[in-house]
Amino acid sequence: VPAHAGLIVCNKTAAPAKFALGRFNGRHWVSEGWWSLDGHRCTTVISAPLKARYYYLYATDGGPGSWDGSRDFCVSTAGRFKIAGRRDCAARGFERRGFFEMDTGQKTDYTQSLSD
């Protein structure tokens, strides 16, 4: 079986969730989303070997539940988005969310789980 490379996000909860990814693309900080993920499902977010050690994720179940952190990125509340830059979110018409850090340990593939 060939080795899988990339970034996978798994929703280990029963509730559907949506999430956004933050990363440095070699030139700029970029945030993109939203991916929707039913409960007890996984999806491939990056289908190529990972190049960075750190990636950032924000997820919400649409209610009081969220997976967040202290690394600020801009997000759009109006569907799919890809935003360059992490500063001046409100001035550019976006909202700011705190993303949590995923340390891949320099691996070319990584799986992040969202759980209760």
PDB file of N, CA and C in Angstrom:
ATOM      1  N   VAL A   1       0.852  -1.179   0.000  1.00  0.00           N
ATOM      2  CA  VAL A   1       0.000   0.000   0.000  1.00  0.00           C
ATOM      3  C   VAL A   1       0.888   1.229   0.000  1.00  0.00           C
ATOM      4  N   PRO A   2       0.663   2.167  -0.928  1.00  0.00           N
ATOM      5  CA  PRO A   2       1.489   3.380  -0.932  1.00  0.00           C
ATOM      6  C   PRO A   2       1.238   4.222   0.306  1.00  0.00           C
ATOM      7  N   ALA A   3       2.265   4.891   0.771  1.00  0.00           N
ATOM      8  CA  ALA A   3       2.137   5.763   1.944  1.00  0.00           C
ATOM      9  C   ALA A   3       1.300   6.982   1.589  1.00  0.00           C
ATOM     10  N   HIS A   4       0.439   7.375   2.512  1.00  0.00           N
ATOM     11  CA  HIS A   4      -0.378   8.571   2.312  1.00  0.00           C
ATOM     12  C   HIS A   4       0.399   9.780   2.819  1.00  0.00           C
ATOM     13  N   ALA A   5       0.324  10.863   2.098  1.00  0.00           N
ATOM     14  CA  ALA A   5       0.956  12.099   2.556  1.00  0.00           C
ATOM     15  C   ALA A   5      -0.064  13.218   2.488  1.00  0.00           C
ATOM     16  N   GLY A   6      -0.087  14.055   3.506  1.00  0.00           N
ATOM     17  CA  GLY A   6      -0.990  15.185   3.526  1.00  0.00           C
ATOM     18  C   GLY A   6      -1.544  15.441   4.899  1.00  0.00           C
ATOM     19  N   LEU A   7      -2.595  16.254   4.948  1.00  0.00           N
ATOM     20  CA  LEU A   7      -3.238  16.618   6.211  1.00  0.00           C
ATOM     21  C   LEU A   7      -4.681  16.129   6.188  1.00  0.00           C
ATOM     22  N   ILE A   8      -5.042  15.363   7.209  1.00  0.00           N
ATOM     23  CA  ILE A   8      -6.390  14.822   7.359  1.00  0.00           C
ATOM     24  C   ILE A   8      -6.976  15.374   8.648  1.00  0.00           C
ATOM     25  N   VAL A   9      -8.250  15.766   8.605  1.00  0.00           N
ATOM     26  CA  VAL A   9      -8.976  16.177   9.804  1.00  0.00           C
ATOM     27  C   VAL A   9     -10.124  15.196  10.005  1.00  0.00           C
ATOM     28  N   CYS A  10     -10.246  14.677  11.237  1.00  0.00           N
ATOM     29  CA  CYS A  10     -11.301  13.735  11.582  1.00  0.00           C
ATOM     30  C   CYS A  10     -12.193  14.334  12.660  1.00  0.00           C
ATOM     31  N   ASN A  11     -13.487  14.206  12.464  1.00  0.00           N
ATOM     32  CA  ASN A  11     -14.465  14.655  13.449  1.00  0.00           C
ATOM     33  C   ASN A  11     -14.899  13.428  14.244  1.00  0.00           C
ATOM     34  N   LYS A  12     -14.418  13.292  15.460  1.00  0.00           N
ATOM     35  CA  LYS A  12     -14.724  12.139  16.319  1.00  0.00           C
ATOM     36  C   LYS A  12     -16.004  12.328  17.115  1.00  0.00           C
ATOM     37  N   THR A  13     -16.694  13.457  16.921  1.00  0.00           N
ATOM     38  CA  THR A  13     -17.932  13.716  17.651  1.00  0.00           C
ATOM     39  C   THR A  13     -19.121  13.246  16.820  1.00  0.00           C
ATOM     40  N   ALA A  14     -20.303  13.256  17.427  1.00  0.00           N
ATOM     41  CA  ALA A  14     -21.525  12.888  16.713  1.00  0.00           C
ATOM     42  C   ALA A  14     -22.083  14.066  15.915  1.00  0.00           C
ATOM     43  N   ALA A  15     -21.740  15.291  16.310  1.00  0.00           N
ATOM     44  CA  ALA A  15     -22.293  16.491  15.674  1.00  0.00           C
ATOM     45  C   ALA A  15     -21.475  16.899  14.453  1.00  0.00           C
ATOM     46  N   PRO A  16     -22.135  17.451  13.438  1.00  0.00           N
ATOM     47  CA  PRO A  16     -21.371  17.995  12.315  1.00  0.00           C
ATOM     48  C   PRO A  16     -20.542  19.202  12.765  1.00  0.00           C
ATOM     49  N   ALA A  17     -19.445  19.430  12.072  1.00  0.00           N
ATOM     50  CA  ALA A  17     -18.567  20.562  12.389  1.00  0.00           C
ATOM     51  C   ALA A  17     -18.117  21.208  11.086  1.00  0.00           C
ATOM     52  N   LYS A  18     -17.671  22.447  11.203  1.00  0.00           N
ATOM     53  CA  LYS A  18     -17.007  23.095  10.076  1.00  0.00           C
ATOM     54  C   LYS A  18     -15.687  23.635  10.599  1.00  0.00           C
ATOM     55  N   PHE A  19     -14.688  23.689   9.699  1.00  0.00           N
ATOM     56  CA  PHE A  19     -13.372  24.119  10.156  1.00  0.00           C
ATOM     57  C   PHE A  19     -12.655  24.921   9.090  1.00  0.00           C
ATOM     58  N   ALA A  20     -11.643  25.652   9.553  1.00  0.00           N
ATOM     59  CA  ALA A  20     -10.783  26.463   8.693  1.00  0.00           C
ATOM     60  C   ALA A  20      -9.330  26.157   9.035  1.00  0.00           C
ATOM     61  N   LEU A  21      -8.475  26.321   8.052  1.00  0.00           N
ATOM     62  CA  LEU A  21      -7.059  26.029   8.184  1.00  0.00           C
ATOM     63  C   LEU A  21      -6.248  27.298   8.016  1.00  0.00           C
ATOM     64  N   GLY A  22      -5.236  27.480   8.849  1.00  0.00           N
ATOM     65  CA  GLY A  22      -4.285  28.574   8.713  1.00  0.00           C
ATOM     66  C   GLY A  22      -2.900  28.007   8.492  1.00  0.00           C
ATOM     67  N   ARG A  23      -2.117  28.674   7.625  1.00  0.00           N
ATOM     68  CA  ARG A  23      -0.750  28.197   7.372  1.00  0.00           C
ATOM     69  C   ARG A  23       0.075  29.270   6.694  1.00  0.00           C
ATOM     70  N   PHE A  24       1.375  29.058   6.707  1.00  0.00           N
ATOM     71  CA  PHE A  24       2.297  29.927   5.982  1.00  0.00           C
ATOM     72  C   PHE A  24       2.589  29.229   4.661  1.00  0.00           C
ATOM     73  N   ASN A  25       2.314  29.898   3.548  1.00  0.00           N
ATOM     74  CA  ASN A  25       2.465  29.235   2.247  1.00  0.00           C
ATOM     75  C   ASN A  25       3.841  29.451   1.607  1.00  0.00           C
ATOM     76  N   GLY A  26       4.788  29.945   2.382  1.00  0.00           N
ATOM     77  CA  GLY A  26       6.121  30.217   1.860  1.00  0.00           C
ATOM     78  C   GLY A  26       6.342  31.695   1.577  1.00  0.00           C
ATOM     79  N   ARG A  27       5.231  32.439   1.397  1.00  0.00           N
ATOM     80  CA  ARG A  27       5.302  33.874   1.153  1.00  0.00           C
ATOM     81  C   ARG A  27       4.409  34.664   2.099  1.00  0.00           C
ATOM     82  N   HIS A  28       3.225  34.121   2.398  1.00  0.00           N
ATOM     83  CA  HIS A  28       2.228  34.831   3.195  1.00  0.00           C
ATOM     84  C   HIS A  28       1.548  33.866   4.168  1.00  0.00           C
ATOM     85  N   TRP A  29       1.016  34.447   5.251  1.00  0.00           N
ATOM     86  CA  TRP A  29       0.092  33.704   6.087  1.00  0.00           C
ATOM     87  C   TRP A  29      -1.249  33.671   5.361  1.00  0.00           C
ATOM     88  N   VAL A  30      -1.878  32.526   5.329  1.00  0.00           N
ATOM     89  CA  VAL A  30      -3.140  32.344   4.614  1.00  0.00           C
ATOM     90  C   VAL A  30      -4.094  31.564   5.502  1.00  0.00           C
ATOM     91  N   SER A  31      -5.364  31.961   5.470  1.00  0.00           N
ATOM     92  CA  SER A  31      -6.407  31.155   6.109  1.00  0.00           C
ATOM     93  C   SER A  31      -7.416  30.780   5.029  1.00  0.00           C
ATOM     94  N   GLU A  32      -7.960  29.581   5.149  1.00  0.00           N
ATOM     95  CA  GLU A  32      -8.962  29.148   4.184  1.00  0.00           C
ATOM     96  C   GLU A  32      -9.956  28.212   4.841  1.00  0.00           C
ATOM     97  N   GLY A  33     -11.147  28.204   4.326  1.00  0.00           N
ATOM     98  CA  GLY A  33     -12.227  27.381   4.869  1.00  0.00           C
ATOM     99  C   GLY A  33     -13.477  27.648   4.058  1.00  0.00           C
ATOM    100  N   TRP A  34     -14.543  27.299   4.414  1.00  0.00           N
ATOM    101  CA  TRP A  34     -14.882  26.360   5.454  1.00  0.00           C
ATOM    102  C   TRP A  34     -15.036  24.974   4.847  1.00  0.00           C
ATOM    103  N   TRP A  35     -14.534  23.985   5.552  1.00  0.00           N
ATOM    104  CA  TRP A  35     -14.815  22.602   5.212  1.00  0.00           C
ATOM    105  C   TRP A  35     -15.895  22.130   6.164  1.00  0.00           C
ATOM    106  N   SER A  36     -16.859  21.401   5.664  1.00  0.00           N
ATOM    107  CA  SER A  36     -17.903  20.798   6.502  1.00  0.00           C
ATOM    108  C   SER A  36     -17.560  19.336   6.698  1.00  0.00           C
ATOM    109  N   LEU A  37     -17.800  18.864   7.918  1.00  0.00           N
ATOM    110  CA  LEU A  37     -17.421  17.492   8.242  1.00  0.00           C
ATOM    111  C   LEU A  37     -18.472  16.869   9.155  1.00  0.00           C
ATOM    112  N   ASP A  38     -19.175  15.874   8.637  1.00  0.00           N
ATOM    113  CA  ASP A  38     -20.170  15.174   9.443  1.00  0.00           C
ATOM    114  C   ASP A  38     -19.492  14.460  10.603  1.00  0.00           C
ATOM    115  N   GLY A  39     -20.295  14.115  11.601  1.00  0.00           N
ATOM    116  CA  GLY A  39     -19.778  13.377  12.739  1.00  0.00           C
ATOM    117  C   GLY A  39     -19.227  12.027  12.327  1.00  0.00           C
ATOM    118  N   HIS A  40     -18.163  11.615  12.994  1.00  0.00           N
ATOM    119  CA  HIS A  40     -17.520  10.321  12.763  1.00  0.00           C
ATOM    120  C   HIS A  40     -17.028  10.158  11.330  1.00  0.00           C
ATOM    121  N   ARG A  41     -16.529  11.256  10.759  1.00  0.00           N
ATOM    122  CA  ARG A  41     -15.986  11.253   9.401  1.00  0.00           C
ATOM    123  C   ARG A  41     -14.629  11.951   9.385  1.00  0.00           C
ATOM    124  N   CYS A  42     -13.857  11.668   8.327  1.00  0.00           N
ATOM    125  CA  CYS A  42     -12.567  12.318   8.098  1.00  0.00           C
ATOM    126  C   CYS A  42     -12.549  12.888   6.692  1.00  0.00           C
ATOM    127  N   THR A  43     -11.712  13.901   6.491  1.00  0.00           N
ATOM    128  CA  THR A  43     -11.523  14.467   5.157  1.00  0.00           C
ATOM    129  C   THR A  43     -10.066  14.873   4.976  1.00  0.00           C
ATOM    130  N   THR A  44      -9.598  14.765   3.756  1.00  0.00           N
ATOM    131  CA  THR A  44      -8.246  15.203   3.419  1.00  0.00           C
ATOM    132  C   THR A  44      -8.289  16.677   3.060  1.00  0.00           C
ATOM    133  N   VAL A  45      -7.498  17.481   3.768  1.00  0.00           N
ATOM    134  CA  VAL A  45      -7.461  18.923   3.553  1.00  0.00           C
ATOM    135  C   VAL A  45      -6.305  19.290   2.622  1.00  0.00           C
ATOM    136  N   ILE A  46      -5.168  18.665   2.817  1.00  0.00           N
ATOM    137  CA  ILE A  46      -4.011  18.845   1.939  1.00  0.00           C
ATOM    138  C   ILE A  46      -3.634  17.455   1.438  1.00  0.00           C
ATOM    139  N   SER A  47      -3.606  17.274   0.128  1.00  0.00           N
ATOM    140  CA  SER A  47      -3.360  15.939  -0.426  1.00  0.00           C
ATOM    141  C   SER A  47      -1.953  15.781  -0.995  1.00  0.00           C
ATOM    142  N   ALA A  48      -1.050  16.609  -0.542  1.00  0.00           N
ATOM    143  CA  ALA A  48       0.357  16.529  -0.948  1.00  0.00           C
ATOM    144  C   ALA A  48       1.207  16.441   0.314  1.00  0.00           C
ATOM    145  N   PRO A  49       2.451  15.994   0.203  1.00  0.00           N
ATOM    146  CA  PRO A  49       3.312  15.952   1.386  1.00  0.00           C
ATOM    147  C   PRO A  49       3.396  17.315   2.070  1.00  0.00           C
ATOM    148  N   LEU A  50       3.291  17.308   3.398  1.00  0.00           N
ATOM    149  CA  LEU A  50       3.340  18.547   4.170  1.00  0.00           C
ATOM    150  C   LEU A  50       4.748  19.118   4.136  1.00  0.00           C
ATOM    151  N   LYS A  51       4.828  20.431   3.979  1.00  0.00           N
ATOM    152  CA  LYS A  51       6.124  21.101   3.890  1.00  0.00           C
ATOM    153  C   LYS A  51       6.486  21.855   5.158  1.00  0.00           C
ATOM    154  N   ALA A  52       5.484  22.192   5.972  1.00  0.00           N
ATOM    155  CA  ALA A  52       5.728  22.968   7.188  1.00  0.00           C
ATOM    156  C   ALA A  52       5.574  22.075   8.415  1.00  0.00           C
ATOM    157  N   ARG A  53       6.141  22.511   9.504  1.00  0.00           N
ATOM    158  CA  ARG A  53       5.971  21.791  10.764  1.00  0.00           C
ATOM    159  C   ARG A  53       4.664  22.185  11.438  1.00  0.00           C
ATOM    160  N   TYR A  54       4.275  23.466  11.331  1.00  0.00           N
ATOM    161  CA  TYR A  54       3.102  23.965  12.048  1.00  0.00           C
ATOM    162  C   TYR A  54       1.987  24.369  11.086  1.00  0.00           C
ATOM    163  N   TYR A  55       0.791  23.929  11.423  1.00  0.00           N
ATOM    164  CA  TYR A  55      -0.440  24.332  10.746  1.00  0.00           C
ATOM    165  C   TYR A  55      -1.400  24.735  11.855  1.00  0.00           C
ATOM    166  N   TYR A  56      -2.442  25.467  11.507  1.00  0.00           N
ATOM    167  CA  TYR A  56      -3.351  26.014  12.504  1.00  0.00           C
ATOM    168  C   TYR A  56      -4.794  25.708  12.104  1.00  0.00           C
ATOM    169  N   LEU A  57      -5.631  25.417  13.107  1.00  0.00           N
ATOM    170  CA  LEU A  57      -6.997  25.001  12.828  1.00  0.00           C
ATOM    171  C   LEU A  57      -7.968  25.677  13.777  1.00  0.00           C
ATOM    172  N   TYR A  58      -9.109  26.049  13.244  1.00  0.00           N
ATOM    173  CA  TYR A  58     -10.244  26.521  14.030  1.00  0.00           C
ATOM    174  C   TYR A  58     -11.441  25.715  13.562  1.00  0.00           C
ATOM    175  N   ALA A  59     -12.235  25.205  14.506  1.00  0.00           N
ATOM    176  CA  ALA A  59     -13.422  24.437  14.147  1.00  0.00           C
ATOM    177  C   ALA A  59     -14.559  24.798  15.091  1.00  0.00           C
ATOM    178  N   THR A  60     -15.784  24.641  14.598  1.00  0.00           N
ATOM    179  CA  THR A  60     -16.964  24.913  15.402  1.00  0.00           C
ATOM    180  C   THR A  60     -18.059  23.916  15.047  1.00  0.00           C
ATOM    181  N   ASP A  61     -18.903  23.626  16.023  1.00  0.00           N
ATOM    182  CA  ASP A  61     -20.059  22.765  15.751  1.00  0.00           C
ATOM    183  C   ASP A  61     -21.297  23.596  15.435  1.00  0.00           C
ATOM    184  N   GLY A  62     -21.132  24.905  15.304  1.00  0.00           N
ATOM    185  CA  GLY A  62     -22.239  25.791  14.993  1.00  0.00           C
ATOM    186  C   GLY A  62     -23.017  26.243  16.214  1.00  0.00           C
ATOM    187  N   GLY A  63     -22.705  25.673  17.364  1.00  0.00           N
ATOM    188  CA  GLY A  63     -23.339  26.050  18.622  1.00  0.00           C
ATOM    189  C   GLY A  63     -22.273  26.550  19.578  1.00  0.00           C
ATOM    190  N   PRO A  64     -22.370  26.154  20.838  1.00  0.00           N
ATOM    191  CA  PRO A  64     -21.387  26.627  21.813  1.00  0.00           C
ATOM    192  C   PRO A  64     -20.033  25.931  21.712  1.00  0.00           C
ATOM    193  N   GLY A  65     -19.957  24.828  20.979  1.00  0.00           N
ATOM    194  CA  GLY A  65     -18.711  24.074  20.905  1.00  0.00           C
ATOM    195  C   GLY A  65     -17.768  24.600  19.846  1.00  0.00           C
ATOM    196  N   SER A  66     -16.498  24.772  20.225  1.00  0.00           N
ATOM    197  CA  SER A  66     -15.480  25.147  19.242  1.00  0.00           C
ATOM    198  C   SER A  66     -14.135  24.598  19.683  1.00  0.00           C
ATOM    199  N   TRP A  67     -13.261  24.445  18.716  1.00  0.00           N
ATOM    200  CA  TRP A  67     -11.870  24.062  18.943  1.00  0.00           C
ATOM    201  C   TRP A  67     -11.066  25.256  18.474  1.00  0.00           C
ATOM    202  N   ASP A  68     -10.478  25.967  19.432  1.00  0.00           N
ATOM    203  CA  ASP A  68      -9.803  27.209  19.091  1.00  0.00           C
ATOM    204  C   ASP A  68      -8.499  27.332  19.855  1.00  0.00           C
ATOM    205  N   GLY A  69      -7.816  28.437  19.639  1.00  0.00           N
ATOM    206  CA  GLY A  69      -6.534  28.651  20.289  1.00  0.00           C
ATOM    207  C   GLY A  69      -6.148  30.119  20.255  1.00  0.00           C
ATOM    208  N   SER A  70      -4.851  30.370  20.365  1.00  0.00           N
ATOM    209  CA  SER A  70      -4.368  31.741  20.540  1.00  0.00           C
ATOM    210  C   SER A  70      -3.720  32.342  19.294  1.00  0.00           C
ATOM    211  N   ARG A  71      -3.726  31.636  18.176  1.00  0.00           N
ATOM    212  CA  ARG A  71      -3.120  32.157  16.945  1.00  0.00           C
ATOM    213  C   ARG A  71      -4.220  32.772  16.077  1.00  0.00           C
ATOM    214  N   ASP A  72      -4.219  34.084  15.954  1.00  0.00           N
ATOM    215  CA  ASP A  72      -5.286  34.773  15.235  1.00  0.00           C
ATOM    216  C   ASP A  72      -5.128  34.693  13.722  1.00  0.00           C
ATOM    217  N   PHE A  73      -6.241  34.381  13.066  1.00  0.00           N
ATOM    218  CA  PHE A  73      -6.354  34.407  11.614  1.00  0.00           C
ATOM    219  C   PHE A  73      -7.693  35.036  11.266  1.00  0.00           C
ATOM    220  N   CYS A  74      -7.811  35.516  10.037  1.00  0.00           N
ATOM    221  CA  CYS A  74      -9.068  36.081   9.546  1.00  0.00           C
ATOM    222  C   CYS A  74      -9.926  34.970   8.945  1.00  0.00           C
ATOM    223  N   VAL A  75     -11.243  35.090   9.132  1.00  0.00           N
ATOM    224  CA  VAL A  75     -12.193  34.172   8.512  1.00  0.00           C
ATOM    225  C   VAL A  75     -13.351  34.973   7.931  1.00  0.00           C
ATOM    226  N   SER A  76     -14.024  34.373   6.985  1.00  0.00           N
ATOM    227  CA  SER A  76     -15.240  34.949   6.428  1.00  0.00           C
ATOM    228  C   SER A  76     -16.416  34.135   6.948  1.00  0.00           C
ATOM    229  N   THR A  77     -17.516  34.792   7.205  1.00  0.00           N
ATOM    230  CA  THR A  77     -18.710  34.063   7.638  1.00  0.00           C
ATOM    231  C   THR A  77     -19.618  33.753   6.454  1.00  0.00           C
ATOM    232  N   ALA A  78     -19.238  34.184   5.266  1.00  0.00           N
ATOM    233  CA  ALA A  78     -20.071  34.011   4.068  1.00  0.00           C
ATOM    234  C   ALA A  78     -19.503  32.925   3.159  1.00  0.00           C
ATOM    235  N   GLY A  79     -19.559  31.683   3.588  1.00  0.00           N
ATOM    236  CA  GLY A  79     -19.148  30.574   2.732  1.00  0.00           C
ATOM    237  C   GLY A  79     -17.643  30.401   2.621  1.00  0.00           C
ATOM    238  N   ARG A  80     -17.231  29.789   1.502  1.00  0.00           N
ATOM    239  CA  ARG A  80     -15.816  29.474   1.276  1.00  0.00           C
ATOM    240  C   ARG A  80     -14.984  30.748   1.219  1.00  0.00           C
ATOM    241  N   PHE A  81     -13.732  30.635   1.675  1.00  0.00           N
ATOM    242  CA  PHE A  81     -12.834  31.786   1.639  1.00  0.00           C
ATOM    243  C   PHE A  81     -11.397  31.334   1.569  1.00  0.00           C
ATOM    244  N   LYS A  82     -10.538  32.213   1.081  1.00  0.00           N
ATOM    245  CA  LYS A  82      -9.081  32.081   1.139  1.00  0.00           C
ATOM    246  C   LYS A  82      -8.563  33.491   1.313  1.00  0.00           C
ATOM    247  N   ILE A  83      -7.943  33.760   2.458  1.00  0.00           N
ATOM    248  CA  ILE A  83      -7.558  35.119   2.836  1.00  0.00           C
ATOM    249  C   ILE A  83      -6.057  35.174   3.082  1.00  0.00           C
ATOM    250  N   ALA A  84      -5.378  36.076   2.403  1.00  0.00           N
ATOM    251  CA  ALA A  84      -3.953  36.302   2.636  1.00  0.00           C
ATOM    252  C   ALA A  84      -3.805  37.308   3.775  1.00  0.00           C
ATOM    253  N   GLY A  85      -2.918  37.013   4.700  1.00  0.00           N
ATOM    254  CA  GLY A  85      -2.639  37.928   5.805  1.00  0.00           C
ATOM    255  C   GLY A  85      -3.463  37.632   7.041  1.00  0.00           C
ATOM    256  N   ARG A  86      -2.881  37.973   8.198  1.00  0.00           N
ATOM    257  CA  ARG A  86      -3.520  37.710   9.490  1.00  0.00           C
ATOM    258  C   ARG A  86      -3.922  38.990  10.208  1.00  0.00           C
ATOM    259  N   ARG A  87      -3.615  40.143   9.668  1.00  0.00           N
ATOM    260  CA  ARG A  87      -3.842  41.419  10.357  1.00  0.00           C
ATOM    261  C   ARG A  87      -5.048  42.161   9.783  1.00  0.00           C
ATOM    262  N   ASP A  88      -5.537  43.102  10.590  1.00  0.00           N
ATOM    263  CA  ASP A  88      -6.595  44.017  10.164  1.00  0.00           C
ATOM    264  C   ASP A  88      -7.811  43.301   9.602  1.00  0.00           C
ATOM    265  N   CYS A  89      -8.213  42.230  10.261  1.00  0.00           N
ATOM    266  CA  CYS A  89      -9.345  41.428   9.773  1.00  0.00           C
ATOM    267  C   CYS A  89     -10.601  42.279   9.607  1.00  0.00           C
ATOM    268  N   ALA A  90     -10.996  42.990  10.648  1.00  0.00           N
ATOM    269  CA  ALA A  90     -12.244  43.770  10.612  1.00  0.00           C
ATOM    270  C   ALA A  90     -12.181  44.857   9.541  1.00  0.00           C
ATOM    271  N   ALA A  91     -11.053  45.509   9.406  1.00  0.00           N
ATOM    272  CA  ALA A  91     -10.915  46.570   8.413  1.00  0.00           C
ATOM    273  C   ALA A  91     -11.046  46.027   6.992  1.00  0.00           C
ATOM    274  N   ARG A  92     -10.779  44.744   6.815  1.00  0.00           N
ATOM    275  CA  ARG A  92     -10.889  44.123   5.493  1.00  0.00           C
ATOM    276  C   ARG A  92     -12.206  43.366   5.315  1.00  0.00           C
ATOM    277  N   GLY A  93     -13.115  43.498   6.300  1.00  0.00           N
ATOM    278  CA  GLY A  93     -14.435  42.883   6.183  1.00  0.00           C
ATOM    279  C   GLY A  93     -14.509  41.448   6.655  1.00  0.00           C
ATOM    280  N   PHE A  94     -13.536  41.020   7.464  1.00  0.00           N
ATOM    281  CA  PHE A  94     -13.501  39.647   7.973  1.00  0.00           C
ATOM    282  C   PHE A  94     -13.613  39.632   9.492  1.00  0.00           C
ATOM    283  N   GLU A  95     -13.837  38.457  10.042  1.00  0.00           N
ATOM    284  CA  GLU A  95     -13.819  38.271  11.489  1.00  0.00           C
ATOM    285  C   GLU A  95     -12.510  37.611  11.885  1.00  0.00           C
ATOM    286  N   ARG A  96     -12.101  37.843  13.127  1.00  0.00           N
ATOM    287  CA  ARG A  96     -10.878  37.244  13.645  1.00  0.00           C
ATOM    288  C   ARG A  96     -11.253  36.064  14.532  1.00  0.00           C
ATOM    289  N   ARG A  97     -10.560  34.947  14.347  1.00  0.00           N
ATOM    290  CA  ARG A  97     -10.756  33.764  15.187  1.00  0.00           C
ATOM    291  C   ARG A  97      -9.391  33.290  15.672  1.00  0.00           C
ATOM    292  N   GLY A  98      -9.385  32.696  16.860  1.00  0.00           N
ATOM    293  CA  GLY A  98      -8.177  32.113  17.406  1.00  0.00           C
ATOM    294  C   GLY A  98      -8.066  30.655  16.987  1.00  0.00           C
ATOM    295  N   PHE A  99      -7.014  30.327  16.286  1.00  0.00           N
ATOM    296  CA  PHE A  99      -6.762  28.969  15.801  1.00  0.00           C
ATOM    297  C   PHE A  99      -5.791  28.266  16.754  1.00  0.00           C
ATOM    298  N   PHE A 100      -5.893  26.945  16.846  1.00  0.00           N
ATOM    299  CA  PHE A 100      -4.922  26.205  17.657  1.00  0.00           C
ATOM    300  C   PHE A 100      -3.831  25.641  16.753  1.00  0.00           C
ATOM    301  N   GLU A 101      -2.661  25.470  17.353  1.00  0.00           N
ATOM    302  CA  GLU A 101      -1.483  25.022  16.612  1.00  0.00           C
ATOM    303  C   GLU A 101      -1.443  23.497  16.530  1.00  0.00           C
ATOM    304  N   MET A 102      -1.148  23.002  15.331  1.00  0.00           N
ATOM    305  CA  MET A 102      -0.896  21.578  15.127  1.00  0.00           C
ATOM    306  C   MET A 102       0.587  21.424  14.812  1.00  0.00           C
ATOM    307  N   ASP A 103       1.292  20.678  15.626  1.00  0.00           N
ATOM    308  CA  ASP A 103       2.715  20.428  15.423  1.00  0.00           C
ATOM    309  C   ASP A 103       2.860  19.081  14.731  1.00  0.00           C
ATOM    310  N   THR A 104       3.206  19.095  13.458  1.00  0.00           N
ATOM    311  CA  THR A 104       3.321  17.860  12.680  1.00  0.00           C
ATOM    312  C   THR A 104       4.628  17.121  12.950  1.00  0.00           C
ATOM    313  N   GLY A 105       5.540  17.766  13.656  1.00  0.00           N
ATOM    314  CA  GLY A 105       6.832  17.138  13.910  1.00  0.00           C
ATOM    315  C   GLY A 105       7.638  16.904  12.647  1.00  0.00           C
ATOM    316  N   GLN A 106       7.415  17.737  11.625  1.00  0.00           N
ATOM    317  CA  GLN A 106       8.095  17.638  10.331  1.00  0.00           C
ATOM    318  C   GLN A 106       7.684  16.400   9.534  1.00  0.00           C
ATOM    319  N   LYS A 107       6.592  15.745   9.917  1.00  0.00           N
ATOM    320  CA  LYS A 107       6.113  14.589   9.150  1.00  0.00           C
ATOM    321  C   LYS A 107       5.475  15.076   7.853  1.00  0.00           C
ATOM    322  N   THR A 108       5.476  14.224   6.837  1.00  0.00           N
ATOM    323  CA  THR A 108       4.849  14.579   5.566  1.00  0.00           C
ATOM    324  C   THR A 108       3.359  14.283   5.587  1.00  0.00           C
ATOM    325  N   ASP A 109       2.887  13.556   6.602  1.00  0.00           N
ATOM    326  CA  ASP A 109       1.462  13.335   6.749  1.00  0.00           C
ATOM    327  C   ASP A 109       1.075  13.483   8.227  1.00  0.00           C
ATOM    328  N   TYR A 110      -0.138  13.965   8.466  1.00  0.00           N
ATOM    329  CA  TYR A 110      -0.582  14.241   9.830  1.00  0.00           C
ATOM    330  C   TYR A 110      -2.095  14.160   9.859  1.00  0.00           C
ATOM    331  N   THR A 111      -2.625  13.583  10.938  1.00  0.00           N
ATOM    332  CA  THR A 111      -4.067  13.521  11.145  1.00  0.00           C
ATOM    333  C   THR A 111      -4.423  14.242  12.433  1.00  0.00           C
ATOM    334  N   GLN A 112      -5.362  15.183  12.335  1.00  0.00           N
ATOM    335  CA  GLN A 112      -5.856  15.915  13.505  1.00  0.00           C
ATOM    336  C   GLN A 112      -7.284  15.486  13.781  1.00  0.00           C
ATOM    337  N   SER A 113      -7.567  15.126  15.028  1.00  0.00           N
ATOM    338  CA  SER A 113      -8.920  14.734  15.416  1.00  0.00           C
ATOM    339  C   SER A 113      -9.581  15.827  16.215  1.00  0.00           C
ATOM    340  N   LEU A 114     -10.868  16.023  15.959  1.00  0.00           N
ATOM    341  CA  LEU A 114     -11.728  16.889  16.767  1.00  0.00           C
ATOM    342  C   LEU A 114     -12.566  15.968  17.638  1.00  0.00           C
ATOM    343  N   SER A 115     -12.483  16.138  18.953  1.00  0.00           N
ATOM    344  CA  SER A 115     -13.239  15.258  19.843  1.00  0.00           C
ATOM    345  C   SER A 115     -13.871  16.060  20.968  1.00  0.00           C
ATOM    346  N   ASP A 116     -14.810  15.429  21.665  1.00  0.00           N
ATOM    347  CA  ASP A 116     -15.513  16.067  22.778  1.00  0.00           C
ATOM    348  C   ASP A 116     -14.566  16.353  23.917  1.00  0.00           C
TER     349      ASP A 116
END
